[in-house]
Amino acid sequence: RDAATRSYAPYSRVRVGASALTSSGEIIEGSNVENA
């Protein structure tokens, strides 16, 4: 949810965030980045 707030979605306005638990024990994140 926090990652979704940092997405770049000026076209669809649909912000998406993702997070994951990795085999190294870390939590990583990503957010969508739209393009014209």
All heavy atoms as atom14 arrays in JSON, in Angstrom:
{
  "sequence": "RDAATRSYAPYSRVRVGASALTSSGEIIEGSNVENA",
  "atom14_mask": [
    [1, 1, 1, 1, 1, 1, 1, 1, 1, 1, 1, 0, 0, 0],
    [1, 1, 1, 1, 1, 1, 1, 1, 0, 0, 0, 0, 0, 0],
    [1, 1, 1, 1, 1, 0, 0, 0, 0, 0, 0, 0, 0, 0],
    [1, 1, 1, 1, 1, 0, 0, 0, 0, 0, 0, 0, 0, 0],
    [1, 1, 1, 1, 1, 1, 1, 0, 0, 0, 0, 0, 0, 0],
    [1, 1, 1, 1, 1, 1, 1, 1, 1, 1, 1, 0, 0, 0],
    [1, 1, 1, 1, 1, 1, 0, 0, 0, 0, 0, 0, 0, 0],
    [1, 1, 1, 1, 1, 1, 1, 1, 1, 1, 1, 1, 0, 0],
    [1, 1, 1, 1, 1, 0, 0, 0, 0, 0, 0, 0, 0, 0],
    [1, 1, 1, 1, 1, 1, 1, 0, 0, 0, 0, 0, 0, 0],
    [1, 1, 1, 1, 1, 1, 1, 1, 1, 1, 1, 1, 0, 0],
    [1, 1, 1, 1, 1, 1, 0, 0, 0, 0, 0, 0, 0, 0],
    [1, 1, 1, 1, 1, 1, 1, 1, 1, 1, 1, 0, 0, 0],
    [1, 1, 1, 1, 1, 1, 1, 0, 0, 0, 0, 0, 0, 0],
    [1, 1, 1, 1, 1, 1, 1, 1, 1, 1, 1, 0, 0, 0],
    [1, 1, 1, 1, 1, 1, 1, 0, 0, 0, 0, 0, 0, 0],
    [1, 1, 1, 1, 0, 0, 0, 0, 0, 0, 0, 0, 0, 0],
    [1, 1, 1, 1, 1, 0, 0, 0, 0, 0, 0, 0, 0, 0],
    [1, 1, 1, 1, 1, 1, 0, 0, 0, 0, 0, 0, 0, 0],
    [1, 1, 1, 1, 1, 0, 0, 0, 0, 0, 0, 0, 0, 0],
    [1, 1, 1, 1, 1, 1, 1, 1, 0, 0, 0, 0, 0, 0],
    [1, 1, 1, 1, 1, 1, 1, 0, 0, 0, 0, 0, 0, 0],
    [1, 1, 1, 1, 1, 1, 0, 0, 0, 0, 0, 0, 0, 0],
    [1, 1, 1, 1, 1, 1, 0, 0, 0, 0, 0, 0, 0, 0],
    [1, 1, 1, 1, 0, 0, 0, 0, 0, 0, 0, 0, 0, 0],
    [1, 1, 1, 1, 1, 1, 1, 1, 1, 0, 0, 0, 0, 0],
    [1, 1, 1, 1, 1, 1, 1, 1, 0, 0, 0, 0, 0, 0],
    [1, 1, 1, 1, 1, 1, 1, 1, 0, 0, 0, 0, 0, 0],
    [1, 1, 1, 1, 1, 1, 1, 1, 1, 0, 0, 0, 0, 0],
    [1, 1, 1, 1, 0, 0, 0, 0, 0, 0, 0, 0, 0, 0],
    [1, 1, 1, 1, 1, 1, 0, 0, 0, 0, 0, 0, 0, 0],
    [1, 1, 1, 1, 1, 1, 1, 1, 0, 0, 0, 0, 0, 0],
    [1, 1, 1, 1, 1, 1, 1, 0, 0, 0, 0, 0, 0, 0],
    [1, 1, 1, 1, 1, 1, 1, 1, 1, 0, 0, 0, 0, 0],
    [1, 1, 1, 1, 1, 1, 1, 1, 0, 0, 0, 0, 0, 0],
    [1, 1, 1, 1, 1, 0, 0, 0, 0, 0, 0, 0, 0, 0]
  ],
  "atom14_positions": [
    [[0.84, -1.21, 0.0], [0.0, 0.0, 0.0], [0.86, 1.25, 0.0], [0.58, 2.21, -0.7], [-0.94, -0.02, 1.21], [-2.05, -1.03, 1.08], [-2.92, -1.1, 2.33], [-3.95, -2.1, 2.16], [-4.22, -3.05, 3.04], [-3.57, -3.12, 4.2], [-5.16, -3.93, 2.79], [0.0, 0.0, 0.0], [0.0, 0.0, 0.0], [0.0, 0.0, 0.0]],
    [[1.93, 1.22, 0.79], [2.85, 2.35, 0.82], [3.53, 2.54, -0.54], [3.66, 3.66, -1.03], [3.89, 2.16, 1.92], [4.81, 3.36, 2.04], [4.31, 4.47, 2.28], [6.03, 3.18, 1.85], [0.0, 0.0, 0.0], [0.0, 0.0, 0.0], [0.0, 0.0, 0.0], [0.0, 0.0, 0.0], [0.0, 0.0, 0.0], [0.0, 0.0, 0.0]],
    [[3.94, 1.43, -1.14], [4.58, 1.51, -2.47], [3.61, 2.1, -3.5], [4.02, 2.87, -4.38], [5.07, 0.13, -2.9], [0.0, 0.0, 0.0], [0.0, 0.0, 0.0], [0.0, 0.0, 0.0], [0.0, 0.0, 0.0], [0.0, 0.0, 0.0], [0.0, 0.0, 0.0], [0.0, 0.0, 0.0], [0.0, 0.0, 0.0], [0.0, 0.0, 0.0]],
    [[2.34, 1.76, -3.39], [1.34, 2.28, -4.34], [1.26, 3.79, -4.28], [1.01, 4.45, -5.29], [-0.03, 1.65, -4.07], [0.0, 0.0, 0.0], [0.0, 0.0, 0.0], [0.0, 0.0, 0.0], [0.0, 0.0, 0.0], [0.0, 0.0, 0.0], [0.0, 0.0, 0.0], [0.0, 0.0, 0.0], [0.0, 0.0, 0.0], [0.0, 0.0, 0.0]],
    [[1.5, 4.38, -3.11], [1.43, 5.84, -2.99], [2.56, 6.51, -3.75], [2.49, 7.71, -4.02], [1.47, 6.3, -1.52], [2.75, 6.01, -0.96], [0.36, 5.66, -0.7], [0.0, 0.0, 0.0], [0.0, 0.0, 0.0], [0.0, 0.0, 0.0], [0.0, 0.0, 0.0], [0.0, 0.0, 0.0], [0.0, 0.0, 0.0], [0.0, 0.0, 0.0]],
    [[3.59, 5.76, -4.09], [4.74, 6.31, -4.8], [4.76, 5.91, -6.28], [5.77, 6.07, -6.95], [6.03, 5.9, -4.11], [6.15, 6.5, -2.7], [7.5, 6.25, -2.07], [7.91, 4.86, -2.07], [7.59, 3.97, -1.13], [6.83, 4.34, -0.12], [8.02, 2.74, -1.2], [0.0, 0.0, 0.0], [0.0, 0.0, 0.0], [0.0, 0.0, 0.0]],
    [[3.66, 5.39, -6.78], [3.62, 5.01, -8.19], [3.5, 6.26, -9.07], [3.18, 7.35, -8.6], [2.46, 4.05, -8.45], [1.23, 4.74, -8.37], [0.0, 0.0, 0.0], [0.0, 0.0, 0.0], [0.0, 0.0, 0.0], [0.0, 0.0, 0.0], [0.0, 0.0, 0.0], [0.0, 0.0, 0.0], [0.0, 0.0, 0.0], [0.0, 0.0, 0.0]],
    [[3.76, 6.06, -10.34], [3.63, 7.13, -11.33], [2.52, 6.68, -12.28], [2.74, 5.84, -13.15], [4.95, 7.33, -12.07], [4.89, 8.37, -13.16], [4.83, 9.72, -12.86], [4.88, 8.0, -14.5], [4.78, 10.68, -13.86], [4.83, 8.93, -15.51], [4.77, 10.27, -15.19], [4.73, 11.22, -16.18], [0.0, 0.0, 0.0], [0.0, 0.0, 0.0]],
    [[1.32, 7.19, -12.06], [0.15, 6.74, -12.82], [-0.71, 7.91, -13.29], [-1.9, 7.98, -13.0], [-0.67, 5.79, -11.96], [0.0, 0.0, 0.0], [0.0, 0.0, 0.0], [0.0, 0.0, 0.0], [0.0, 0.0, 0.0], [0.0, 0.0, 0.0], [0.0, 0.0, 0.0], [0.0, 0.0, 0.0], [0.0, 0.0, 0.0], [0.0, 0.0, 0.0]],
    [[-0.12, 8.84, -14.07], [-0.89, 10.01, -14.48], [-1.95, 9.71, -15.55], [-2.85, 10.53, -15.75], [0.18, 10.95, -15.04], [1.24, 10.04, -15.55], [1.25, 8.89, -14.58], [0.0, 0.0, 0.0], [0.0, 0.0, 0.0], [0.0, 0.0, 0.0], [0.0, 0.0, 0.0], [0.0, 0.0, 0.0], [0.0, 0.0, 0.0], [0.0, 0.0, 0.0]],
    [[-1.87, 8.58, -16.22], [-2.79, 8.28, -17.32], [-3.99, 7.47, -16.85], [-5.13, 7.88, -17.01], [-2.04, 7.59, -18.46], [-0.83, 8.41, -18.86], [0.45, 7.99, -18.54], [-0.99, 9.64, -19.49], [1.56, 8.76, -18.86], [0.11, 10.43, -19.81], [1.38, 9.98, -19.49], [2.46, 10.76, -19.79], [0.0, 0.0, 0.0], [0.0, 0.0, 0.0]],
    [[-3.75, 6.33, -16.25], [-4.86, 5.49, -15.78], [-5.34, 5.93, -14.4], [-6.48, 5.65, -14.03], [-4.42, 4.02, -15.7], [-3.55, 3.82, -14.59], [0.0, 0.0, 0.0], [0.0, 0.0, 0.0], [0.0, 0.0, 0.0], [0.0, 0.0, 0.0], [0.0, 0.0, 0.0], [0.0, 0.0, 0.0], [0.0, 0.0, 0.0], [0.0, 0.0, 0.0]],
    [[-4.48, 6.58, -13.65], [-4.72, 6.95, -12.26], [-4.94, 5.72, -11.37], [-5.49, 5.84, -10.28], [-5.88, 7.92, -12.14], [-5.65, 9.2, -12.94], [-6.31, 10.37, -12.28], [-6.29, 11.57, -13.1], [-5.22, 12.34, -13.28], [-4.09, 12.03, -12.73], [-5.28, 13.42, -14.03], [0.0, 0.0, 0.0], [0.0, 0.0, 0.0], [0.0, 0.0, 0.0]],
    [[-4.53, 4.57, -11.84], [-4.59, 3.34, -11.04], [-3.2, 3.1, -10.47], [-2.28, 2.69, -11.17], [-5.04, 2.12, -11.88], [-5.01, 0.85, -11.03], [-6.43, 2.36, -12.46], [0.0, 0.0, 0.0], [0.0, 0.0, 0.0], [0.0, 0.0, 0.0], [0.0, 0.0, 0.0], [0.0, 0.0, 0.0], [0.0, 0.0, 0.0], [0.0, 0.0, 0.0]],
    [[-3.05, 3.45, -9.22], [-1.77, 3.25, -8.53], [-1.71, 1.8, -8.07], [-2.68, 1.28, -7.54], [-1.66, 4.18, -7.34], [-1.62, 5.65, -7.73], [-1.6, 6.53, -6.49], [-1.38, 7.92, -6.84], [-0.19, 8.48, -7.03], [0.9, 7.75, -6.9], [-0.08, 9.75, -7.35], [0.0, 0.0, 0.0], [0.0, 0.0, 0.0], [0.0, 0.0, 0.0]],
    [[-0.54, 1.18, -8.28], [-0.36, -0.21, -7.87], [0.97, -0.32, -7.14], [1.97, 0.25, -7.57], [-0.38, -1.17, -9.09], [-0.19, -2.61, -8.64], [-1.68, -1.01, -9.88], [0.0, 0.0, 0.0], [0.0, 0.0, 0.0], [0.0, 0.0, 0.0], [0.0, 0.0, 0.0], [0.0, 0.0, 0.0], [0.0, 0.0, 0.0], [0.0, 0.0, 0.0]],
    [[0.94, -1.05, -6.04], [2.15, -1.31, -5.28], [2.29, -2.8, -5.05], [1.3, -3.54, -5.01], [0.0, 0.0, 0.0], [0.0, 0.0, 0.0], [0.0, 0.0, 0.0], [0.0, 0.0, 0.0], [0.0, 0.0, 0.0], [0.0, 0.0, 0.0], [0.0, 0.0, 0.0], [0.0, 0.0, 0.0], [0.0, 0.0, 0.0], [0.0, 0.0, 0.0]],
    [[3.52, -3.24, -4.93], [3.79, -4.66, -4.67], [4.88, -4.76, -3.62], [5.77, -3.91, -3.54], [4.24, -5.35, -5.96], [0.0, 0.0, 0.0], [0.0, 0.0, 0.0], [0.0, 0.0, 0.0], [0.0, 0.0, 0.0], [0.0, 0.0, 0.0], [0.0, 0.0, 0.0], [0.0, 0.0, 0.0], [0.0, 0.0, 0.0], [0.0, 0.0, 0.0]],
    [[4.8, -5.8, -2.82], [5.87, -6.1, -1.87], [6.02, -7.61, -1.83], [5.09, -8.36, -2.16], [5.58, -5.53, -0.49], [4.52, -6.22, 0.11], [0.0, 0.0, 0.0], [0.0, 0.0, 0.0], [0.0, 0.0, 0.0], [0.0, 0.0, 0.0], [0.0, 0.0, 0.0], [0.0, 0.0, 0.0], [0.0, 0.0, 0.0], [0.0, 0.0, 0.0]],
    [[7.2, -8.05, -1.41], [7.46, -9.49, -1.38], [8.43, -9.83, -0.27], [9.3, -9.04, 0.08], [8.03, -9.95, -2.72], [0.0, 0.0, 0.0], [0.0, 0.0, 0.0], [0.0, 0.0, 0.0], [0.0, 0.0, 0.0], [0.0, 0.0, 0.0], [0.0, 0.0, 0.0], [0.0, 0.0, 0.0], [0.0, 0.0, 0.0], [0.0, 0.0, 0.0]],
    [[8.27, -11.03, 0.22], [9.23, -11.63, 1.12], [10.17, -12.47, 0.26], [9.71, -13.25, -0.58], [8.52, -12.52, 2.14], [9.4, -13.33, 3.08], [10.23, -12.41, 3.98], [8.55, -14.28, 3.91], [0.0, 0.0, 0.0], [0.0, 0.0, 0.0], [0.0, 0.0, 0.0], [0.0, 0.0, 0.0], [0.0, 0.0, 0.0], [0.0, 0.0, 0.0]],
    [[11.46, -12.31, 0.46], [12.45, -13.03, -0.34], [13.09, -14.16, 0.47], [12.99, -14.19, 1.7], [13.57, -12.09, -0.83], [14.39, -11.73, 0.27], [12.99, -10.85, -1.49], [0.0, 0.0, 0.0], [0.0, 0.0, 0.0], [0.0, 0.0, 0.0], [0.0, 0.0, 0.0], [0.0, 0.0, 0.0], [0.0, 0.0, 0.0], [0.0, 0.0, 0.0]],
    [[13.76, -15.04, -0.24], [14.43, -16.16, 0.43], [15.58, -15.7, 1.31], [16.02, -16.44, 2.19], [14.92, -17.18, -0.6], [15.84, -16.59, -1.5], [0.0, 0.0, 0.0], [0.0, 0.0, 0.0], [0.0, 0.0, 0.0], [0.0, 0.0, 0.0], [0.0, 0.0, 0.0], [0.0, 0.0, 0.0], [0.0, 0.0, 0.0], [0.0, 0.0, 0.0]],
    [[16.06, -14.47, 1.13], [17.1, -13.93, 2.0], [16.5, -13.28, 3.25], [17.23, -12.75, 4.09], [17.97, -12.93, 1.24], [17.23, -11.75, 0.95], [0.0, 0.0, 0.0], [0.0, 0.0, 0.0], [0.0, 0.0, 0.0], [0.0, 0.0, 0.0], [0.0, 0.0, 0.0], [0.0, 0.0, 0.0], [0.0, 0.0, 0.0], [0.0, 0.0, 0.0]],
    [[15.16, -13.28, 3.35], [14.48, -12.72, 4.51], [14.14, -11.25, 4.39], [13.58, -10.67, 5.31], [0.0, 0.0, 0.0], [0.0, 0.0, 0.0], [0.0, 0.0, 0.0], [0.0, 0.0, 0.0], [0.0, 0.0, 0.0], [0.0, 0.0, 0.0], [0.0, 0.0, 0.0], [0.0, 0.0, 0.0], [0.0, 0.0, 0.0], [0.0, 0.0, 0.0]],
    [[14.48, -10.65, 3.26], [14.19, -9.22, 3.06], [12.77, -9.02, 2.55], [12.18, -9.92, 1.95], [15.16, -8.63, 2.05], [16.59, -8.62, 2.54], [17.5, -7.89, 1.59], [17.32, -6.68, 1.43], [18.37, -8.55, 1.02], [0.0, 0.0, 0.0], [0.0, 0.0, 0.0], [0.0, 0.0, 0.0], [0.0, 0.0, 0.0], [0.0, 0.0, 0.0]],
    [[12.25, -7.82, 2.76], [11.01, -7.4, 2.13], [11.38, -6.34, 1.11], [12.06, -5.37, 1.44], [9.99, -6.87, 3.15], [9.57, -8.01, 4.08], [8.78, -6.29, 2.43], [8.58, -7.61, 5.14], [0.0, 0.0, 0.0], [0.0, 0.0, 0.0], [0.0, 0.0, 0.0], [0.0, 0.0, 0.0], [0.0, 0.0, 0.0], [0.0, 0.0, 0.0]],
    [[10.95, -6.57, -0.11], [11.24, -5.64, -1.2], [9.93, -5.06, -1.71], [8.86, -5.58, -1.41], [12.02, -6.33, -2.33], [11.24, -7.54, -2.85], [13.41, -6.74, -1.84], [11.81, -8.16, -4.1], [0.0, 0.0, 0.0], [0.0, 0.0, 0.0], [0.0, 0.0, 0.0], [0.0, 0.0, 0.0], [0.0, 0.0, 0.0], [0.0, 0.0, 0.0]],
    [[10.03, -3.99, -2.5], [8.84, -3.3, -2.98], [8.99, -2.84, -4.43], [10.11, -2.74, -4.94], [8.58, -2.05, -2.12], [8.37, -2.34, -0.68], [8.35, -1.08, 0.16], [8.61, 0.02, -0.37], [8.06, -1.2, 1.35], [0.0, 0.0, 0.0], [0.0, 0.0, 0.0], [0.0, 0.0, 0.0], [0.0, 0.0, 0.0], [0.0, 0.0, 0.0]],
    [[7.86, -2.54, -5.02], [7.84, -1.94, -6.35], [6.52, -1.23, -6.56], [5.53, -1.52, -5.89], [0.0, 0.0, 0.0], [0.0, 0.0, 0.0], [0.0, 0.0, 0.0], [0.0, 0.0, 0.0], [0.0, 0.0, 0.0], [0.0, 0.0, 0.0], [0.0, 0.0, 0.0], [0.0, 0.0, 0.0], [0.0, 0.0, 0.0], [0.0, 0.0, 0.0]],
    [[6.51, -0.27, -7.47], [5.28, 0.42, -7.82], [5.23, 0.6, -9.33], [6.26, 0.58, -10.01], [5.19, 1.78, -7.11], [6.31, 2.57, -7.4], [0.0, 0.0, 0.0], [0.0, 0.0, 0.0], [0.0, 0.0, 0.0], [0.0, 0.0, 0.0], [0.0, 0.0, 0.0], [0.0, 0.0, 0.0], [0.0, 0.0, 0.0], [0.0, 0.0, 0.0]],
    [[4.01, 0.75, -9.85], [3.88, 0.89, -11.3], [4.4, 2.24, -11.78], [4.37, 3.23, -11.06], [2.44, 0.64, -11.76], [1.41, 1.6, -11.21], [1.48, 2.03, -10.05], [0.43, 1.94, -12.03], [0.0, 0.0, 0.0], [0.0, 0.0, 0.0], [0.0, 0.0, 0.0], [0.0, 0.0, 0.0], [0.0, 0.0, 0.0], [0.0, 0.0, 0.0]],
    [[4.9, 2.23, -12.99], [5.44, 3.43, -13.63], [4.85, 3.48, -15.04], [5.25, 2.71, -15.91], [6.99, 3.4, -13.69], [7.51, 4.65, -14.38], [7.58, 3.24, -12.31], [0.0, 0.0, 0.0], [0.0, 0.0, 0.0], [0.0, 0.0, 0.0], [0.0, 0.0, 0.0], [0.0, 0.0, 0.0], [0.0, 0.0, 0.0], [0.0, 0.0, 0.0]],
    [[3.87, 4.37, -15.23], [3.23, 4.48, -16.53], [4.07, 5.3, -17.5], [5.03, 5.98, -17.1], [1.84, 5.11, -16.38], [0.88, 4.22, -15.63], [-0.51, 4.79, -15.54], [-0.73, 6.0, -15.8], [-1.41, 4.02, -15.17], [0.0, 0.0, 0.0], [0.0, 0.0, 0.0], [0.0, 0.0, 0.0], [0.0, 0.0, 0.0], [0.0, 0.0, 0.0]],
    [[3.69, 5.21, -18.77], [4.39, 5.92, -19.83], [3.35, 6.39, -20.84], [2.36, 5.69, -21.07], [5.41, 4.98, -20.48], [6.33, 5.69, -21.41], [5.96, 6.02, -22.53], [7.54, 5.93, -20.97], [0.0, 0.0, 0.0], [0.0, 0.0, 0.0], [0.0, 0.0, 0.0], [0.0, 0.0, 0.0], [0.0, 0.0, 0.0], [0.0, 0.0, 0.0]],
    [[3.59, 7.54, -21.45], [2.66, 8.05, -22.45], [2.49, 7.06, -23.6], [1.43, 6.97, -24.2], [3.14, 9.4, -22.99], [0.0, 0.0, 0.0], [0.0, 0.0, 0.0], [0.0, 0.0, 0.0], [0.0, 0.0, 0.0], [0.0, 0.0, 0.0], [0.0, 0.0, 0.0], [0.0, 0.0, 0.0], [0.0, 0.0, 0.0], [0.0, 0.0, 0.0]]
  ]
}
